[in-house]
Amino acid sequence: MHMTSAFDRAYFTARLERNRQLAAQSHNPVIRELHLEYVRLYEQLMEQPQPA
């Protein structure tokens, strides 16, 4: 996925934090793992170099 603006990065940062919160609140281990997988995916996206 190619991110093109600061808005995109802010969106992914917000989604990452929200999924962390949802994982912490979840009582179902399957749902918790889904949220944590999204956290891992968003972290990978955030690590990619940004265009100048």
PDB file of N, CA and C in Angstrom:
ATOM      1  N   MET A   1       0.849  -1.185   0.000  1.00  0.00           N
ATOM      2  CA  MET A   1       0.000   0.000   0.000  1.00  0.00           C
ATOM      3  C   MET A   1       0.887   1.237   0.000  1.00  0.00           C
ATOM      4  N   HIS A   2       0.508   2.199  -0.783  1.00  0.00           N
ATOM      5  CA  HIS A   2       1.289   3.431  -0.904  1.00  0.00           C
ATOM      6  C   HIS A   2       0.570   4.567  -0.193  1.00  0.00           C
ATOM      7  N   MET A   3       1.234   5.144   0.827  1.00  0.00           N
ATOM      8  CA  MET A   3       0.639   6.277   1.554  1.00  0.00           C
ATOM      9  C   MET A   3       1.143   7.564   0.916  1.00  0.00           C
ATOM     10  N   THR A   4       0.221   8.504   0.730  1.00  0.00           N
ATOM     11  CA  THR A   4       0.573   9.693  -0.031  1.00  0.00           C
ATOM     12  C   THR A   4       0.544  10.999   0.745  1.00  0.00           C
ATOM     13  N   SER A   5       0.063  10.981   2.001  1.00  0.00           N
ATOM     14  CA  SER A   5      -0.001  12.247   2.722  1.00  0.00           C
ATOM     15  C   SER A   5       0.078  12.022   4.224  1.00  0.00           C
ATOM     16  N   ALA A   6       0.261  13.121   4.970  1.00  0.00           N
ATOM     17  CA  ALA A   6       0.304  13.055   6.427  1.00  0.00           C
ATOM     18  C   ALA A   6      -1.040  12.580   6.973  1.00  0.00           C
ATOM     19  N   PHE A   7      -2.123  12.905   6.265  1.00  0.00           N
ATOM     20  CA  PHE A   7      -3.448  12.444   6.695  1.00  0.00           C
ATOM     21  C   PHE A   7      -3.492  10.925   6.755  1.00  0.00           C
ATOM     22  N   ASP A   8      -2.928  10.266   5.759  1.00  0.00           N
ATOM     23  CA  ASP A   8      -2.911   8.808   5.736  1.00  0.00           C
ATOM     24  C   ASP A   8      -2.178   8.256   6.957  1.00  0.00           C
ATOM     25  N   ARG A   9      -1.051   8.843   7.276  1.00  0.00           N
ATOM     26  CA  ARG A   9      -0.258   8.380   8.425  1.00  0.00           C
ATOM     27  C   ARG A   9      -1.034   8.608   9.728  1.00  0.00           C
ATOM     28  N   ALA A  10      -1.692   9.726   9.852  1.00  0.00           N
ATOM     29  CA  ALA A  10      -2.496  10.013  11.044  1.00  0.00           C
ATOM     30  C   ALA A  10      -3.642   9.009  11.159  1.00  0.00           C
ATOM     31  N   TYR A  11      -4.236   8.674  10.047  1.00  0.00           N
ATOM     32  CA  TYR A  11      -5.321   7.686  10.045  1.00  0.00           C
ATOM     33  C   TYR A  11      -4.825   6.344  10.573  1.00  0.00           C
ATOM     34  N   PHE A  12      -3.679   5.894  10.048  1.00  0.00           N
ATOM     35  CA  PHE A  12      -3.149   4.608  10.470  1.00  0.00           C
ATOM     36  C   PHE A  12      -2.716   4.632  11.933  1.00  0.00           C
ATOM     37  N   THR A  13      -2.199   5.746  12.388  1.00  0.00           N
ATOM     38  CA  THR A  13      -1.829   5.878  13.798  1.00  0.00           C
ATOM     39  C   THR A  13      -3.064   5.756  14.676  1.00  0.00           C
ATOM     40  N   ALA A  14      -4.138   6.412  14.288  1.00  0.00           N
ATOM     41  CA  ALA A  14      -5.388   6.344  15.050  1.00  0.00           C
ATOM     42  C   ALA A  14      -5.951   4.932  15.049  1.00  0.00           C
ATOM     43  N   ARG A  15      -5.926   4.266  13.912  1.00  0.00           N
ATOM     44  CA  ARG A  15      -6.450   2.902  13.827  1.00  0.00           C
ATOM     45  C   ARG A  15      -5.607   1.952  14.668  1.00  0.00           C
ATOM     46  N   LEU A  16      -4.303   2.140  14.659  1.00  0.00           N
ATOM     47  CA  LEU A  16      -3.407   1.310  15.454  1.00  0.00           C
ATOM     48  C   LEU A  16      -3.752   1.435  16.936  1.00  0.00           C
ATOM     49  N   GLU A  17      -3.888   2.659  17.415  1.00  0.00           N
ATOM     50  CA  GLU A  17      -4.217   2.887  18.822  1.00  0.00           C
ATOM     51  C   GLU A  17      -5.597   2.338  19.171  1.00  0.00           C
ATOM     52  N   ARG A  18      -6.553   2.513  18.280  1.00  0.00           N
ATOM     53  CA  ARG A  18      -7.909   2.019  18.543  1.00  0.00           C
ATOM     54  C   ARG A  18      -7.917   0.495  18.646  1.00  0.00           C
ATOM     55  N   ASN A  19      -7.182  -0.170  17.777  1.00  0.00           N
ATOM     56  CA  ASN A  19      -7.134  -1.625  17.841  1.00  0.00           C
ATOM     57  C   ASN A  19      -6.410  -2.103  19.092  1.00  0.00           C
ATOM     58  N   ARG A  20      -5.424  -1.367  19.568  1.00  0.00           N
ATOM     59  CA  ARG A  20      -4.793  -1.704  20.846  1.00  0.00           C
ATOM     60  C   ARG A  20      -5.807  -1.619  21.987  1.00  0.00           C
ATOM     61  N   GLN A  21      -6.603  -0.561  21.972  1.00  0.00           N
ATOM     62  CA  GLN A  21      -7.631  -0.399  23.009  1.00  0.00           C
ATOM     63  C   GLN A  21      -8.655  -1.530  22.945  1.00  0.00           C
ATOM     64  N   LEU A  22      -9.110  -1.841  21.743  1.00  0.00           N
ATOM     65  CA  LEU A  22     -10.115  -2.891  21.586  1.00  0.00           C
ATOM     66  C   LEU A  22      -9.565  -4.251  22.013  1.00  0.00           C
ATOM     67  N   ALA A  23      -8.308  -4.517  21.716  1.00  0.00           N
ATOM     68  CA  ALA A  23      -7.695  -5.781  22.141  1.00  0.00           C
ATOM     69  C   ALA A  23      -7.647  -5.858  23.664  1.00  0.00           C
ATOM     70  N   ALA A  24      -7.306  -4.759  24.304  1.00  0.00           N
ATOM     71  CA  ALA A  24      -7.228  -4.741  25.766  1.00  0.00           C
ATOM     72  C   ALA A  24      -8.604  -4.936  26.401  1.00  0.00           C
ATOM     73  N   GLN A  25      -9.638  -4.477  25.741  1.00  0.00           N
ATOM     74  CA  GLN A  25     -10.998  -4.566  26.290  1.00  0.00           C
ATOM     75  C   GLN A  25     -11.675  -5.903  25.990  1.00  0.00           C
ATOM     76  N   SER A  26     -11.173  -6.629  25.010  1.00  0.00           N
ATOM     77  CA  SER A  26     -11.854  -7.840  24.567  1.00  0.00           C
ATOM     78  C   SER A  26     -11.695  -8.985  25.566  1.00  0.00           C
ATOM     79  N   HIS A  27     -12.801  -9.654  25.834  1.00  0.00           N
ATOM     80  CA  HIS A  27     -12.789 -10.823  26.704  1.00  0.00           C
ATOM     81  C   HIS A  27     -12.664 -12.107  25.888  1.00  0.00           C
ATOM     82  N   ASN A  28     -12.895 -12.001  24.600  1.00  0.00           N
ATOM     83  CA  ASN A  28     -12.813 -13.152  23.705  1.00  0.00           C
ATOM     84  C   ASN A  28     -11.402 -13.232  23.122  1.00  0.00           C
ATOM     85  N   PRO A  29     -10.663 -14.311  23.383  1.00  0.00           N
ATOM     86  CA  PRO A  29      -9.283 -14.397  22.894  1.00  0.00           C
ATOM     87  C   PRO A  29      -9.160 -14.375  21.364  1.00  0.00           C
ATOM     88  N   VAL A  30     -10.153 -14.872  20.666  1.00  0.00           N
ATOM     89  CA  VAL A  30     -10.115 -14.871  19.200  1.00  0.00           C
ATOM     90  C   VAL A  30     -10.219 -13.434  18.684  1.00  0.00           C
ATOM     91  N   ILE A  31     -11.148 -12.677  19.229  1.00  0.00           N
ATOM     92  CA  ILE A  31     -11.324 -11.279  18.833  1.00  0.00           C
ATOM     93  C   ILE A  31     -10.095 -10.466  19.224  1.00  0.00           C
ATOM     94  N   ARG A  32      -9.556 -10.717  20.412  1.00  0.00           N
ATOM     95  CA  ARG A  32      -8.349 -10.016  20.863  1.00  0.00           C
ATOM     96  C   ARG A  32      -7.203 -10.247  19.868  1.00  0.00           C
ATOM     97  N   GLU A  33      -7.027 -11.485  19.426  1.00  0.00           N
ATOM     98  CA  GLU A  33      -5.958 -11.792  18.468  1.00  0.00           C
ATOM     99  C   GLU A  33      -6.184 -11.089  17.127  1.00  0.00           C
ATOM    100  N   LEU A  34      -7.428 -10.959  16.712  1.00  0.00           N
ATOM    101  CA  LEU A  34      -7.716 -10.219  15.472  1.00  0.00           C
ATOM    102  C   LEU A  34      -7.291  -8.755  15.602  1.00  0.00           C
ATOM    103  N   HIS A  35      -7.626  -8.142  16.713  1.00  0.00           N
ATOM    104  CA  HIS A  35      -7.231  -6.750  16.934  1.00  0.00           C
ATOM    105  C   HIS A  35      -5.708  -6.620  16.978  1.00  0.00           C
ATOM    106  N   LEU A  36      -5.054  -7.563  17.632  1.00  0.00           N
ATOM    107  CA  LEU A  36      -3.589  -7.505  17.717  1.00  0.00           C
ATOM    108  C   LEU A  36      -2.940  -7.735  16.351  1.00  0.00           C
ATOM    109  N   GLU A  37      -3.580  -8.528  15.505  1.00  0.00           N
ATOM    110  CA  GLU A  37      -3.056  -8.709  14.150  1.00  0.00           C
ATOM    111  C   GLU A  37      -3.158  -7.399  13.366  1.00  0.00           C
ATOM    112  N   TYR A  38      -4.257  -6.680  13.523  1.00  0.00           N
ATOM    113  CA  TYR A  38      -4.366  -5.363  12.889  1.00  0.00           C
ATOM    114  C   TYR A  38      -3.296  -4.414  13.417  1.00  0.00           C
ATOM    115  N   VAL A  39      -3.016  -4.469  14.708  1.00  0.00           N
ATOM    116  CA  VAL A  39      -1.955  -3.638  15.280  1.00  0.00           C
ATOM    117  C   VAL A  39      -0.634  -3.951  14.582  1.00  0.00           C
ATOM    118  N   ARG A  40      -0.325  -5.228  14.426  1.00  0.00           N
ATOM    119  CA  ARG A  40       0.929  -5.613  13.758  1.00  0.00           C
ATOM    120  C   ARG A  40       0.962  -5.113  12.313  1.00  0.00           C
ATOM    121  N   LEU A  41      -0.158  -5.245  11.615  1.00  0.00           N
ATOM    122  CA  LEU A  41      -0.205  -4.791  10.216  1.00  0.00           C
ATOM    123  C   LEU A  41      -0.031  -3.274  10.105  1.00  0.00           C
ATOM    124  N   TYR A  42      -0.707  -2.530  10.973  1.00  0.00           N
ATOM    125  CA  TYR A  42      -0.563  -1.072  10.951  1.00  0.00           C
ATOM    126  C   TYR A  42       0.860  -0.663  11.311  1.00  0.00           C
ATOM    127  N   GLU A  43       1.488  -1.378  12.241  1.00  0.00           N
ATOM    128  CA  GLU A  43       2.881  -1.065  12.588  1.00  0.00           C
ATOM    129  C   GLU A  43       3.796  -1.280  11.392  1.00  0.00           C
ATOM    130  N   GLN A  44       3.553  -2.336  10.634  1.00  0.00           N
ATOM    131  CA  GLN A  44       4.352  -2.591   9.433  1.00  0.00           C
ATOM    132  C   GLN A  44       4.160  -1.478   8.407  1.00  0.00           C
ATOM    133  N   LEU A  45       2.924  -1.039   8.227  1.00  0.00           N
ATOM    134  CA  LEU A  45       2.671   0.061   7.294  1.00  0.00           C
ATOM    135  C   LEU A  45       3.384   1.338   7.731  1.00  0.00           C
ATOM    136  N   MET A  46       3.405   1.579   9.036  1.00  0.00           N
ATOM    137  CA  MET A  46       4.035   2.801   9.553  1.00  0.00           C
ATOM    138  C   MET A  46       5.555   2.763   9.403  1.00  0.00           C
ATOM    139  N   GLU A  47       6.131   1.571   9.354  1.00  0.00           N
ATOM    140  CA  GLU A  47       7.582   1.439   9.218  1.00  0.00           C
ATOM    141  C   GLU A  47       8.071   1.694   7.793  1.00  0.00           C
ATOM    142  N   GLN A  48       7.173   1.590   6.823  1.00  0.00           N
ATOM    143  CA  GLN A  48       7.572   1.783   5.434  1.00  0.00           C
ATOM    144  C   GLN A  48       8.028   3.215   5.211  1.00  0.00           C
ATOM    145  N   PRO A  49       9.063   3.391   4.383  1.00  0.00           N
ATOM    146  CA  PRO A  49       9.530   4.761   4.094  1.00  0.00           C
ATOM    147  C   PRO A  49       8.449   5.593   3.431  1.00  0.00           C
ATOM    148  N   GLN A  50       8.416   6.850   3.828  1.00  0.00           N
ATOM    149  CA  GLN A  50       7.442   7.793   3.284  1.00  0.00           C
ATOM    150  C   GLN A  50       8.053   8.550   2.116  1.00  0.00           C
ATOM    151  N   PRO A  51       7.287   8.822   1.070  1.00  0.00           N
ATOM    152  CA  PRO A  51       7.813   9.619  -0.042  1.00  0.00           C
ATOM    153  C   PRO A  51       8.088  11.051   0.403  1.00  0.00           C
ATOM    154  N   ALA A  52       9.071  11.648  -0.227  1.00  0.00           N
ATOM    155  CA  ALA A  52       9.458  13.027   0.125  1.00  0.00           C
ATOM    156  C   ALA A  52       8.464  14.034  -0.365  1.00  0.00           C
TER     157      ALA A  52
END
